[in-house]
Amino acid sequence: MRKRITIFVLIISMLAACAPQAAPTDESVLPTDTSYPNDSYPNEGLTPAQKSAITALSQVLNLPLGEIVLISTEAVEWPDGCLGVHRIDVMCTQAIVPGYKIVLEANGRTYEVHTNEAGSSVVVVPDVANVGPLEQMVIKQLAMNLGLREDEISVVSSSDVEFSDACLDVAMQDVLCAQVVTPGKIIVLESEGVQYTYHVSADGSLVQPATLALTWSREGGIAGFCDRLTVFLSGEIYGNKCKAEPNGTMDTFASLLSEEERQQFDAWVKEFGSATLDASDPRGVSDRMEVKLEFHGLGQNSLTKSNEQALILWAQNVFQNLYQ
């Protein structure tokens, strides 16, 4: 029997769909002015991308250009317009961007900088060389979830934030959250080219996966179903029956995908793109049951009818196993 954890979330107010804030686009990947009349680069014959990287790091560290040393330059294809470095409230164009991963040294430490080919866009990767306890905690959790070694997981970014609610700004179906500001971090991990985002409270008492992969709901029918399932890419699953208890709490069960469930789901995520499915009974049917599913895949192919049916059945079985 699957081990389950019962989580009681105090109902303070209904978590409304978050109004999207005006989010910056790829302009947050800063074009860099490389003209420094009163300073000089540490090496001759630098490319524009290398000059941009050195200039950007000098601005971040407030150091003269000559105190920054070029260690290495690697040609890469970044997966998006953010050059592979994601930040909260920053939207990225989903287009491959050829560029460079440039490693620099300053003050006895190494830094990684991402640029496009021309050096007109550059991002200094947040300094996560010394991984802190919160980062270590989520690395351990992801490694356990996915059956990975910890050294197979890297920290892409770790940013201090203030979440607007006790659910750390991760909305789930029919889960209600206390509306209280909660300091914490947004930590982005990567393994085998896939990124996983976690929201963590500052004291580490709350760890919330944030890379949504699937939602499933079932309502109505003769039995009066009222079921919800949320699956995160990092393997965590949450289910609830969307009915508040008389004492003002909501009973939500949390667990992990089994190895068999995860292997099948990972295969779908890698092969297929996002899809919205509706397997509800036709309108007008007595005791009509509504079954809906949102799938957030990373692949390029479209789900076939047989894939859709298999995915809906998979979600239903995962939900039933969660409550056994």
C-alpha atoms as a PDB file:
ATOM      1  CA  MET A   1       0.000   0.000   0.000  1.00  0.00           C
ATOM      2  CA  ARG A   2       1.264   3.433  -0.905  1.00  0.00           C
ATOM      3  CA  LYS A   3       2.311   5.542   2.073  1.00  0.00           C
ATOM      4  CA  ARG A   4       0.213   8.694   2.240  1.00  0.00           C
ATOM      5  CA  ILE A   5       0.465  11.938   4.107  1.00  0.00           C
ATOM      6  CA  THR A   6      -2.584  13.861   5.242  1.00  0.00           C
ATOM      7  CA  ILE A   7      -2.247  17.622   4.927  1.00  0.00           C
ATOM      8  CA  PHE A   8      -4.789  19.966   6.493  1.00  0.00           C
ATOM      9  CA  VAL A   9      -4.856  23.393   4.909  1.00  0.00           C
ATOM     10  CA  LEU A  10      -6.703  25.995   6.953  1.00  0.00           C
ATOM     11  CA  ILE A  11      -9.388  27.723   4.938  1.00  0.00           C
ATOM     12  CA  ILE A  12      -8.864  31.459   5.254  1.00  0.00           C
ATOM     13  CA  SER A  13     -10.076  32.564   1.845  1.00  0.00           C
ATOM     14  CA  MET A  14     -10.502  30.996  -1.542  1.00  0.00           C
ATOM     15  CA  LEU A  15      -7.351  31.081  -3.607  1.00  0.00           C
ATOM     16  CA  ALA A  16      -8.429  32.926  -6.699  1.00  0.00           C
ATOM     17  CA  ALA A  17      -6.720  32.547 -10.008  1.00  0.00           C
ATOM     18  CA  CYS A  18      -3.724  34.771  -9.649  1.00  0.00           C
ATOM     19  CA  ALA A  19      -3.986  37.882 -11.762  1.00  0.00           C
ATOM     20  CA  PRO A  20      -0.987  37.839 -14.044  1.00  0.00           C
ATOM     21  CA  GLN A  21       1.418  40.599 -13.281  1.00  0.00           C
ATOM     22  CA  ALA A  22       3.023  42.575 -16.011  1.00  0.00           C
ATOM     23  CA  ALA A  23       6.014  40.347 -16.594  1.00  0.00           C
ATOM     24  CA  PRO A  24       9.145  41.427 -18.322  1.00  0.00           C
ATOM     25  CA  THR A  25      10.084  39.499 -21.428  1.00  0.00           C
ATOM     26  CA  ASP A  26      13.510  38.554 -22.662  1.00  0.00           C
ATOM     27  CA  GLU A  27      14.533  42.206 -22.231  1.00  0.00           C
ATOM     28  CA  SER A  28      15.635  41.085 -18.762  1.00  0.00           C
ATOM     29  CA  VAL A  29      18.468  39.342 -20.587  1.00  0.00           C
ATOM     30  CA  LEU A  30      20.493  42.484 -20.664  1.00  0.00           C
ATOM     31  CA  PRO A  31      22.256  43.927 -23.681  1.00  0.00           C
ATOM     32  CA  THR A  32      25.671  45.021 -22.469  1.00  0.00           C
ATOM     33  CA  ASP A  33      27.648  48.149 -23.241  1.00  0.00           C
ATOM     34  CA  THR A  34      31.268  46.985 -23.566  1.00  0.00           C
ATOM     35  CA  SER A  35      32.884  50.409 -23.861  1.00  0.00           C
ATOM     36  CA  TYR A  36      35.034  51.175 -20.817  1.00  0.00           C
ATOM     37  CA  PRO A  37      37.408  54.053 -21.711  1.00  0.00           C
ATOM     38  CA  ASN A  38      39.165  54.030 -18.328  1.00  0.00           C
ATOM     39  CA  ASP A  39      39.641  50.298 -18.062  1.00  0.00           C
ATOM     40  CA  SER A  40      41.002  47.442 -20.164  1.00  0.00           C
ATOM     41  CA  TYR A  41      40.133  43.822 -20.704  1.00  0.00           C
ATOM     42  CA  PRO A  42      42.480  41.234 -19.184  1.00  0.00           C
ATOM     43  CA  ASN A  43      43.150  39.478 -22.518  1.00  0.00           C
ATOM     44  CA  GLU A  44      43.742  40.581 -26.098  1.00  0.00           C
ATOM     45  CA  GLY A  45      41.708  39.213 -28.970  1.00  0.00           C
ATOM     46  CA  LEU A  46      38.528  38.631 -27.009  1.00  0.00           C
ATOM     47  CA  THR A  47      35.312  37.975 -28.932  1.00  0.00           C
ATOM     48  CA  PRO A  48      32.294  40.276 -28.482  1.00  0.00           C
ATOM     49  CA  ALA A  49      30.573  37.587 -26.409  1.00  0.00           C
ATOM     50  CA  GLN A  50      33.563  37.228 -24.102  1.00  0.00           C
ATOM     51  CA  LYS A  51      33.836  41.008 -23.674  1.00  0.00           C
ATOM     52  CA  SER A  52      30.125  41.201 -22.851  1.00  0.00           C
ATOM     53  CA  ALA A  53      30.467  38.441 -20.265  1.00  0.00           C
ATOM     54  CA  ILE A  54      33.433  40.127 -18.559  1.00  0.00           C
ATOM     55  CA  THR A  55      31.691  43.499 -18.571  1.00  0.00           C
ATOM     56  CA  ALA A  56      28.490  42.052 -17.117  1.00  0.00           C
ATOM     57  CA  LEU A  57      30.331  40.299 -14.286  1.00  0.00           C
ATOM     58  CA  SER A  58      32.370  43.429 -13.546  1.00  0.00           C
ATOM     59  CA  GLN A  59      29.112  45.333 -13.105  1.00  0.00           C
ATOM     60  CA  VAL A  60      27.632  42.654 -10.840  1.00  0.00           C
ATOM     61  CA  LEU A  61      30.761  42.458  -8.649  1.00  0.00           C
ATOM     62  CA  ASN A  62      31.726  46.116  -8.986  1.00  0.00           C
ATOM     63  CA  LEU A  63      35.230  45.152 -10.079  1.00  0.00           C
ATOM     64  CA  PRO A  64      37.560  46.579 -12.741  1.00  0.00           C
ATOM     65  CA  LEU A  65      37.598  44.604 -15.965  1.00  0.00           C
ATOM     66  CA  GLY A  66      41.268  43.721 -15.479  1.00  0.00           C
ATOM     67  CA  GLU A  67      40.512  41.757 -12.310  1.00  0.00           C
ATOM     68  CA  ILE A  68      38.315  39.262 -14.164  1.00  0.00           C
ATOM     69  CA  VAL A  69      40.012  36.305 -15.882  1.00  0.00           C
ATOM     70  CA  LEU A  70      38.575  34.266 -18.746  1.00  0.00           C
ATOM     71  CA  ILE A  71      38.688  30.539 -17.926  1.00  0.00           C
ATOM     72  CA  SER A  72      36.743  28.861 -20.729  1.00  0.00           C
ATOM     73  CA  THR A  73      34.210  29.404 -23.506  1.00  0.00           C
ATOM     74  CA  GLU A  74      31.831  26.698 -24.717  1.00  0.00           C
ATOM     75  CA  ALA A  75      29.472  27.011 -27.687  1.00  0.00           C
ATOM     76  CA  VAL A  76      25.945  25.933 -26.735  1.00  0.00           C
ATOM     77  CA  GLU A  77      22.353  26.203 -27.928  1.00  0.00           C
ATOM     78  CA  TRP A  78      20.233  27.745 -25.182  1.00  0.00           C
ATOM     79  CA  PRO A  79      16.681  26.304 -24.990  1.00  0.00           C
ATOM     80  CA  ASP A  80      14.951  29.689 -24.754  1.00  0.00           C
ATOM     81  CA  GLY A  81      15.302  33.459 -24.950  1.00  0.00           C
ATOM     82  CA  CYS A  82      16.324  33.615 -21.283  1.00  0.00           C
ATOM     83  CA  LEU A  83      19.543  31.793 -22.193  1.00  0.00           C
ATOM     84  CA  GLY A  84      18.672  28.913 -19.880  1.00  0.00           C
ATOM     85  CA  VAL A  85      18.429  31.048 -16.729  1.00  0.00           C
ATOM     86  CA  HIS A  86      14.856  31.396 -15.449  1.00  0.00           C
ATOM     87  CA  ARG A  87      13.680  34.037 -12.991  1.00  0.00           C
ATOM     88  CA  ILE A  88      10.397  34.674 -11.255  1.00  0.00           C
ATOM     89  CA  ASP A  89       7.950  36.774 -13.318  1.00  0.00           C
ATOM     90  CA  VAL A  90      10.183  36.627 -16.416  1.00  0.00           C
ATOM     91  CA  MET A  91       8.668  35.241 -19.588  1.00  0.00           C
ATOM     92  CA  CYS A  92      10.988  33.575 -22.101  1.00  0.00           C
ATOM     93  CA  THR A  93      10.537  33.096 -25.823  1.00  0.00           C
ATOM     94  CA  GLN A  94      10.563  29.393 -26.641  1.00  0.00           C
ATOM     95  CA  ALA A  95      13.192  29.469 -29.361  1.00  0.00           C
ATOM     96  CA  ILE A  96      16.655  27.962 -29.579  1.00  0.00           C
ATOM     97  CA  VAL A  97      19.335  30.657 -29.126  1.00  0.00           C
ATOM     98  CA  PRO A  98      22.910  29.821 -30.226  1.00  0.00           C
ATOM     99  CA  GLY A  99      25.467  31.264 -27.859  1.00  0.00           C
ATOM    100  CA  TYR A 100      28.181  30.553 -25.314  1.00  0.00           C
ATOM    101  CA  LYS A 101      28.645  29.348 -21.747  1.00  0.00           C
ATOM    102  CA  ILE A 102      31.567  31.400 -20.483  1.00  0.00           C
ATOM    103  CA  VAL A 103      33.384  30.674 -17.222  1.00  0.00           C
ATOM    104  CA  LEU A 104      35.202  33.560 -15.547  1.00  0.00           C
ATOM    105  CA  GLU A 105      37.263  33.928 -12.390  1.00  0.00           C
ATOM    106  CA  ALA A 106      37.252  36.838  -9.973  1.00  0.00           C
ATOM    107  CA  ASN A 107      38.238  37.199  -6.322  1.00  0.00           C
ATOM    108  CA  GLY A 108      39.359  33.570  -6.313  1.00  0.00           C
ATOM    109  CA  ARG A 109      35.943  32.251  -7.350  1.00  0.00           C
ATOM    110  CA  THR A 110      34.487  31.067 -10.667  1.00  0.00           C
ATOM    111  CA  TYR A 111      31.326  32.435 -12.266  1.00  0.00           C
ATOM    112  CA  GLU A 112      29.242  31.225 -15.193  1.00  0.00           C
ATOM    113  CA  VAL A 113      27.882  33.673 -17.765  1.00  0.00           C
ATOM    114  CA  HIS A 114      25.498  32.874 -20.632  1.00  0.00           C
ATOM    115  CA  THR A 115      25.460  34.920 -23.855  1.00  0.00           C
ATOM    116  CA  ASN A 116      24.048  34.791 -27.343  1.00  0.00           C
ATOM    117  CA  GLU A 117      26.452  34.492 -30.277  1.00  0.00           C
ATOM    118  CA  ALA A 118      26.817  38.241 -30.809  1.00  0.00           C
ATOM    119  CA  GLY A 119      27.230  39.027 -27.126  1.00  0.00           C
ATOM    120  CA  SER A 120      24.309  41.449 -27.300  1.00  0.00           C
ATOM    121  CA  SER A 121      22.420  39.472 -24.639  1.00  0.00           C
ATOM    122  CA  VAL A 122      24.115  38.207 -21.499  1.00  0.00           C
ATOM    123  CA  VAL A 123      23.069  36.672 -18.171  1.00  0.00           C
ATOM    124  CA  VAL A 124      25.302  36.146 -15.163  1.00  0.00           C
ATOM    125  CA  VAL A 125      24.161  32.874 -13.615  1.00  0.00           C
ATOM    126  CA  PRO A 126      23.336  33.327  -9.914  1.00  0.00           C
ATOM    127  CA  ASP A 127      26.242  32.238  -7.728  1.00  0.00           C
ATOM    128  CA  VAL A 128      25.174  28.841  -6.454  1.00  0.00           C
ATOM    129  CA  ALA A 129      28.636  27.287  -6.196  1.00  0.00           C
ATOM    130  CA  ASN A 130      28.219  27.089  -2.435  1.00  0.00           C
ATOM    131  CA  VAL A 131      24.874  25.292  -2.228  1.00  0.00           C
ATOM    132  CA  GLY A 132      23.035  26.233   0.954  1.00  0.00           C
ATOM    133  CA  PRO A 133      20.885  24.021   3.207  1.00  0.00           C
ATOM    134  CA  LEU A 134      17.631  24.831   1.395  1.00  0.00           C
ATOM    135  CA  GLU A 135      19.150  23.960  -1.971  1.00  0.00           C
ATOM    136  CA  GLN A 136      20.602  20.754  -0.527  1.00  0.00           C
ATOM    137  CA  MET A 137      17.190  19.860   0.865  1.00  0.00           C
ATOM    138  CA  VAL A 138      15.358  20.149  -2.459  1.00  0.00           C
ATOM    139  CA  ILE A 139      18.187  18.338  -4.286  1.00  0.00           C
ATOM    140  CA  LYS A 140      17.735  15.414  -1.879  1.00  0.00           C
ATOM    141  CA  GLN A 141      13.977  15.495  -2.400  1.00  0.00           C
ATOM    142  CA  LEU A 142      14.205  15.518  -6.196  1.00  0.00           C
ATOM    143  CA  ALA A 143      16.837  12.753  -6.169  1.00  0.00           C
ATOM    144  CA  MET A 144      14.558  10.605  -4.020  1.00  0.00           C
ATOM    145  CA  ASN A 145      11.497  11.348  -6.156  1.00  0.00           C
ATOM    146  CA  LEU A 146      13.116  10.485  -9.481  1.00  0.00           C
ATOM    147  CA  GLY A 147      15.573   7.810  -8.395  1.00  0.00           C
ATOM    148  CA  LEU A 148      18.595   9.982  -9.249  1.00  0.00           C
ATOM    149  CA  ARG A 149      21.962  10.479  -7.612  1.00  0.00           C
ATOM    150  CA  GLU A 150      22.364  13.889  -6.028  1.00  0.00           C
ATOM    151  CA  ASP A 151      25.409  14.614  -8.189  1.00  0.00           C
ATOM    152  CA  GLU A 152      23.177  14.236 -11.255  1.00  0.00           C
ATOM    153  CA  ILE A 153      21.230  17.344 -10.189  1.00  0.00           C
ATOM    154  CA  SER A 154      22.499  20.894 -10.531  1.00  0.00           C
ATOM    155  CA  VAL A 155      21.169  24.202  -9.221  1.00  0.00           C
ATOM    156  CA  VAL A 156      20.211  26.527 -12.070  1.00  0.00           C
ATOM    157  CA  SER A 157      19.129  29.426  -9.865  1.00  0.00           C
ATOM    158  CA  SER A 158      18.125  30.261  -6.312  1.00  0.00           C
ATOM    159  CA  SER A 159      16.304  33.541  -5.652  1.00  0.00           C
ATOM    160  CA  ASP A 160      15.043  35.134  -2.431  1.00  0.00           C
ATOM    161  CA  VAL A 161      11.355  36.077  -2.690  1.00  0.00           C
ATOM    162  CA  GLU A 162       8.303  36.905  -0.611  1.00  0.00           C
ATOM    163  CA  PHE A 163       5.389  34.616  -1.463  1.00  0.00           C
ATOM    164  CA  SER A 164       1.935  36.132  -1.212  1.00  0.00           C
ATOM    165  CA  ASP A 165       0.338  33.204   0.626  1.00  0.00           C
ATOM    166  CA  ALA A 166       0.992  30.163   2.809  1.00  0.00           C
ATOM    167  CA  CYS A 167       0.878  27.883  -0.253  1.00  0.00           C
ATOM    168  CA  LEU A 168       4.015  29.630  -1.542  1.00  0.00           C
ATOM    169  CA  ASP A 169       2.168  30.952  -4.617  1.00  0.00           C
ATOM    170  CA  VAL A 170       1.479  27.476  -6.005  1.00  0.00           C
ATOM    171  CA  ALA A 171      -2.227  27.203  -6.780  1.00  0.00           C
ATOM    172  CA  MET A 172      -3.833  23.757  -6.796  1.00  0.00           C
ATOM    173  CA  GLN A 173      -7.393  22.782  -7.550  1.00  0.00           C
ATOM    174  CA  ASP A 174      -9.737  23.608  -4.653  1.00  0.00           C
ATOM    175  CA  VAL A 175      -6.891  24.007  -2.161  1.00  0.00           C
ATOM    176  CA  LEU A 176      -7.342  27.065   0.026  1.00  0.00           C
ATOM    177  CA  CYS A 177      -4.421  29.035   1.388  1.00  0.00           C
ATOM    178  CA  ALA A 178      -3.889  31.485   4.224  1.00  0.00           C
ATOM    179  CA  GLN A 179      -3.266  34.913   2.708  1.00  0.00           C
ATOM    180  CA  VAL A 180      -0.091  35.725   4.577  1.00  0.00           C
ATOM    181  CA  VAL A 181       3.231  36.912   3.163  1.00  0.00           C
ATOM    182  CA  THR A 182       5.784  34.110   3.458  1.00  0.00           C
ATOM    183  CA  PRO A 183       9.512  34.755   2.907  1.00  0.00           C
ATOM    184  CA  GLY A 184      11.356  32.045   1.022  1.00  0.00           C
ATOM    185  CA  LYS A 185      13.225  30.997  -2.098  1.00  0.00           C
ATOM    186  CA  ILE A 186      12.471  29.910  -5.633  1.00  0.00           C
ATOM    187  CA  ILE A 187      14.969  27.187  -6.482  1.00  0.00           C
ATOM    188  CA  VAL A 188      15.347  25.820 -10.012  1.00  0.00           C
ATOM    189  CA  LEU A 189      17.090  22.467 -10.401  1.00  0.00           C
ATOM    190  CA  GLU A 190      18.153  20.663 -13.561  1.00  0.00           C
ATOM    191  CA  SER A 191      18.841  17.055 -14.441  1.00  0.00           C
ATOM    192  CA  GLU A 192      19.318  15.524 -17.896  1.00  0.00           C
ATOM    193  CA  GLY A 193      18.226  18.750 -19.561  1.00  0.00           C
ATOM    194  CA  VAL A 194      14.917  19.027 -17.677  1.00  0.00           C
ATOM    195  CA  GLN A 195      14.320  21.812 -15.155  1.00  0.00           C
ATOM    196  CA  TYR A 196      12.293  21.491 -11.951  1.00  0.00           C
ATOM    197  CA  THR A 197      11.151  24.473  -9.879  1.00  0.00           C
ATOM    198  CA  TYR A 198      10.543  24.403  -6.125  1.00  0.00           C
ATOM    199  CA  HIS A 199       9.147  27.098  -3.823  1.00  0.00           C
ATOM    200  CA  VAL A 200      10.581  26.837  -0.306  1.00  0.00           C
ATOM    201  CA  SER A 201       9.852  28.793   2.871  1.00  0.00           C
ATOM    202  CA  ALA A 202      12.820  30.578   4.444  1.00  0.00           C
ATOM    203  CA  ASP A 203      12.950  28.177   7.400  1.00  0.00           C
ATOM    204  CA  GLY A 204      12.614  25.097   5.173  1.00  0.00           C
ATOM    205  CA  SER A 205       9.395  23.950   6.865  1.00  0.00           C
ATOM    206  CA  LEU A 206       7.425  24.175   3.589  1.00  0.00           C
ATOM    207  CA  VAL A 207       8.661  22.754   0.292  1.00  0.00           C
ATOM    208  CA  GLN A 208       6.295  23.054  -2.638  1.00  0.00           C
ATOM    209  CA  PRO A 209       6.962  21.702  -6.145  1.00  0.00           C
ATOM    210  CA  ALA A 210       5.999  24.258  -8.762  1.00  0.00           C
ATOM    211  CA  THR A 211       6.529  22.672 -12.201  1.00  0.00           C
ATOM    212  CA  LEU A 212       2.990  21.568 -12.998  1.00  0.00           C
ATOM    213  CA  ALA A 213       2.660  18.542 -15.313  1.00  0.00           C
ATOM    214  CA  LEU A 214      -0.981  17.428 -15.111  1.00  0.00           C
ATOM    215  CA  THR A 215      -4.333  18.256 -13.556  1.00  0.00           C
ATOM    216  CA  TRP A 216      -7.341  15.925 -13.658  1.00  0.00           C
ATOM    217  CA  SER A 217     -10.875  16.390 -12.348  1.00  0.00           C
ATOM    218  CA  ARG A 218     -13.999  14.251 -12.178  1.00  0.00           C
ATOM    219  CA  GLU A 219     -17.380  15.619 -11.125  1.00  0.00           C
ATOM    220  CA  GLY A 220     -20.969  14.417 -11.099  1.00  0.00           C
ATOM    221  CA  GLY A 221     -22.313  11.039 -12.109  1.00  0.00           C
ATOM    222  CA  ILE A 222     -24.668   8.866 -10.102  1.00  0.00           C
ATOM    223  CA  ALA A 223     -22.070   8.539  -7.352  1.00  0.00           C
ATOM    224  CA  GLY A 224     -21.645  12.316  -7.112  1.00  0.00           C
ATOM    225  CA  PHE A 225     -17.902  12.333  -7.736  1.00  0.00           C
ATOM    226  CA  CYS A 226     -15.948  15.430  -6.762  1.00  0.00           C
ATOM    227  CA  ASP A 227     -12.329  14.477  -7.314  1.00  0.00           C
ATOM    228  CA  ARG A 228      -9.136  16.397  -8.109  1.00  0.00           C
ATOM    229  CA  LEU A 229      -5.588  15.270  -8.944  1.00  0.00           C
ATOM    230  CA  THR A 230      -2.494  17.426  -9.428  1.00  0.00           C
ATOM    231  CA  VAL A 231       0.787  15.935 -10.680  1.00  0.00           C
ATOM    232  CA  PHE A 232       4.098  17.797 -10.680  1.00  0.00           C
ATOM    233  CA  LEU A 233       6.956  17.030 -13.060  1.00  0.00           C
ATOM    234  CA  SER A 234       9.185  16.280 -10.068  1.00  0.00           C
ATOM    235  CA  GLY A 235       6.989  13.315  -9.096  1.00  0.00           C
ATOM    236  CA  GLU A 236       4.833  14.736  -6.282  1.00  0.00           C
ATOM    237  CA  ILE A 237       1.084  14.165  -6.508  1.00  0.00           C
ATOM    238  CA  TYR A 238      -1.788  15.768  -4.614  1.00  0.00           C
ATOM    239  CA  GLY A 239      -5.391  14.618  -4.524  1.00  0.00           C
ATOM    240  CA  ASN A 240      -8.534  15.921  -2.900  1.00  0.00           C
ATOM    241  CA  LYS A 241     -12.245  15.352  -3.077  1.00  0.00           C
ATOM    242  CA  CYS A 242     -12.916  19.105  -3.188  1.00  0.00           C
ATOM    243  CA  LYS A 243     -15.315  19.060  -0.250  1.00  0.00           C
ATOM    244  CA  ALA A 244     -14.434  21.039   2.843  1.00  0.00           C
ATOM    245  CA  GLU A 245     -14.773  19.311   6.201  1.00  0.00           C
ATOM    246  CA  PRO A 246     -17.301  20.696   8.727  1.00  0.00           C
ATOM    247  CA  ASN A 247     -14.514  22.088  10.920  1.00  0.00           C
ATOM    248  CA  GLY A 248     -13.283  24.341   8.097  1.00  0.00           C
ATOM    249  CA  THR A 249     -10.381  22.254   6.851  1.00  0.00           C
ATOM    250  CA  MET A 250      -9.801  20.550   3.555  1.00  0.00           C
ATOM    251  CA  ASP A 251      -8.539  16.977   3.507  1.00  0.00           C
ATOM    252  CA  THR A 252      -5.785  16.611   0.904  1.00  0.00           C
ATOM    253  CA  PHE A 253      -3.630  13.560   0.357  1.00  0.00           C
ATOM    254  CA  ALA A 254      -0.065  13.919  -0.874  1.00  0.00           C
ATOM    255  CA  SER A 255       2.273  11.220  -2.099  1.00  0.00           C
ATOM    256  CA  LEU A 256       4.725  10.320  -4.880  1.00  0.00           C
ATOM    257  CA  LEU A 257       4.220   8.544  -8.163  1.00  0.00           C
ATOM    258  CA  SER A 258       5.226   4.913  -7.998  1.00  0.00           C
ATOM    259  CA  GLU A 259       8.177   3.904 -10.161  1.00  0.00           C
ATOM    260  CA  GLU A 260       5.842   2.284 -12.699  1.00  0.00           C
ATOM    261  CA  GLU A 261       3.545   5.319 -12.802  1.00  0.00           C
ATOM    262  CA  ARG A 262       6.497   7.688 -13.150  1.00  0.00           C
ATOM    263  CA  GLN A 263       8.146   5.748 -15.970  1.00  0.00           C
ATOM    264  CA  GLN A 264       4.965   5.778 -18.029  1.00  0.00           C
ATOM    265  CA  PHE A 265       4.277   9.427 -17.301  1.00  0.00           C
ATOM    266  CA  ASP A 266       7.853  10.515 -18.054  1.00  0.00           C
ATOM    267  CA  ALA A 267       7.628   8.784 -21.435  1.00  0.00           C
ATOM    268  CA  TRP A 268       4.488  10.766 -22.280  1.00  0.00           C
ATOM    269  CA  VAL A 269       6.007  14.046 -21.058  1.00  0.00           C
ATOM    270  CA  LYS A 270       9.090  13.609 -23.257  1.00  0.00           C
ATOM    271  CA  GLU A 271       7.129  12.561 -26.361  1.00  0.00           C
ATOM    272  CA  PHE A 272       4.026  14.751 -26.375  1.00  0.00           C
ATOM    273  CA  GLY A 273       3.277  18.449 -26.134  1.00  0.00           C
ATOM    274  CA  SER A 274       0.645  20.115 -23.962  1.00  0.00           C
ATOM    275  CA  ALA A 275      -3.007  19.198 -24.404  1.00  0.00           C
ATOM    276  CA  THR A 276      -6.441  19.876 -22.940  1.00  0.00           C
ATOM    277  CA  LEU A 277      -8.721  16.828 -22.839  1.00  0.00           C
ATOM    278  CA  ASP A 278     -12.451  16.558 -22.140  1.00  0.00           C
ATOM    279  CA  ALA A 279     -13.931  13.085 -21.641  1.00  0.00           C
ATOM    280  CA  SER A 280     -17.219  14.299 -20.155  1.00  0.00           C
ATOM    281  CA  ASP A 281     -20.600  12.755 -20.896  1.00  0.00           C
ATOM    282  CA  PRO A 282     -22.629  14.591 -23.558  1.00  0.00           C
ATOM    283  CA  ARG A 283     -24.693  17.501 -22.287  1.00  0.00           C
ATOM    284  CA  GLY A 284     -28.261  16.607 -21.418  1.00  0.00           C
ATOM    285  CA  VAL A 285     -27.358  13.150 -20.139  1.00  0.00           C
ATOM    286  CA  SER A 286     -28.964  12.339 -16.810  1.00  0.00           C
ATOM    287  CA  ASP A 287     -26.417  12.297 -13.953  1.00  0.00           C
ATOM    288  CA  ARG A 288     -23.834  13.665 -16.374  1.00  0.00           C
ATOM    289  CA  MET A 289     -20.216  13.210 -15.312  1.00  0.00           C
ATOM    290  CA  GLU A 290     -17.519  15.696 -16.299  1.00  0.00           C
ATOM    291  CA  VAL A 291     -13.961  14.435 -16.719  1.00  0.00           C
ATOM    292  CA  LYS A 292     -11.289  16.976 -17.705  1.00  0.00           C
ATOM    293  CA  LEU A 293      -7.514  16.830 -17.935  1.00  0.00           C
ATOM    294  CA  GLU A 294      -4.744  19.374 -18.576  1.00  0.00           C
ATOM    295  CA  PHE A 295      -1.416  17.912 -19.679  1.00  0.00           C
ATOM    296  CA  HIS A 296       1.829  19.912 -19.860  1.00  0.00           C
ATOM    297  CA  GLY A 297       4.242  17.863 -21.944  1.00  0.00           C
ATOM    298  CA  LEU A 298       7.695  18.812 -23.177  1.00  0.00           C
ATOM    299  CA  GLY A 299       7.675  16.889 -26.451  1.00  0.00           C
ATOM    300  CA  GLN A 300       6.807  17.811 -30.020  1.00  0.00           C
ATOM    301  CA  ASN A 301       4.183  15.189 -30.928  1.00  0.00           C
ATOM    302  CA  SER A 302       0.425  15.430 -30.501  1.00  0.00           C
ATOM    303  CA  LEU A 303      -1.521  12.935 -28.425  1.00  0.00           C
ATOM    304  CA  THR A 304      -3.474  10.382 -30.432  1.00  0.00           C
ATOM    305  CA  LYS A 305      -6.961   9.286 -29.377  1.00  0.00           C
ATOM    306  CA  SER A 306      -5.544   6.111 -27.853  1.00  0.00           C
ATOM    307  CA  ASN A 307      -2.910   8.157 -25.986  1.00  0.00           C
ATOM    308  CA  GLU A 308      -5.620  10.484 -24.672  1.00  0.00           C
ATOM    309  CA  GLN A 309      -7.682   7.569 -23.385  1.00  0.00           C
ATOM    310  CA  ALA A 310      -4.614   5.985 -21.806  1.00  0.00           C
ATOM    311  CA  LEU A 311      -3.629   9.255 -20.116  1.00  0.00           C
ATOM    312  CA  ILE A 312      -7.117   9.790 -18.672  1.00  0.00           C
ATOM    313  CA  LEU A 313      -7.228   6.208 -17.408  1.00  0.00           C
ATOM    314  CA  TRP A 314      -3.728   6.618 -15.938  1.00  0.00           C
ATOM    315  CA  ALA A 315      -4.811   9.740 -14.010  1.00  0.00           C
ATOM    316  CA  GLN A 316      -7.931   7.991 -12.710  1.00  0.00           C
ATOM    317  CA  ASN A 317      -5.891   5.010 -11.510  1.00  0.00           C
ATOM    318  CA  VAL A 318      -3.291   7.254  -9.841  1.00  0.00           C
ATOM    319  CA  PHE A 319      -6.080   9.041  -7.973  1.00  0.00           C
ATOM    320  CA  GLN A 320      -7.651   5.764  -6.838  1.00  0.00           C
ATOM    321  CA  ASN A 321      -4.274   4.406  -5.692  1.00  0.00           C
ATOM    322  CA  LEU A 322      -3.659   7.600  -3.751  1.00  0.00           C
ATOM    323  CA  TYR A 323      -6.743   6.956  -1.608  1.00  0.00           C
ATOM    324  CA  GLN A 324      -6.189   3.250  -1.004  1.00  0.00           C
END
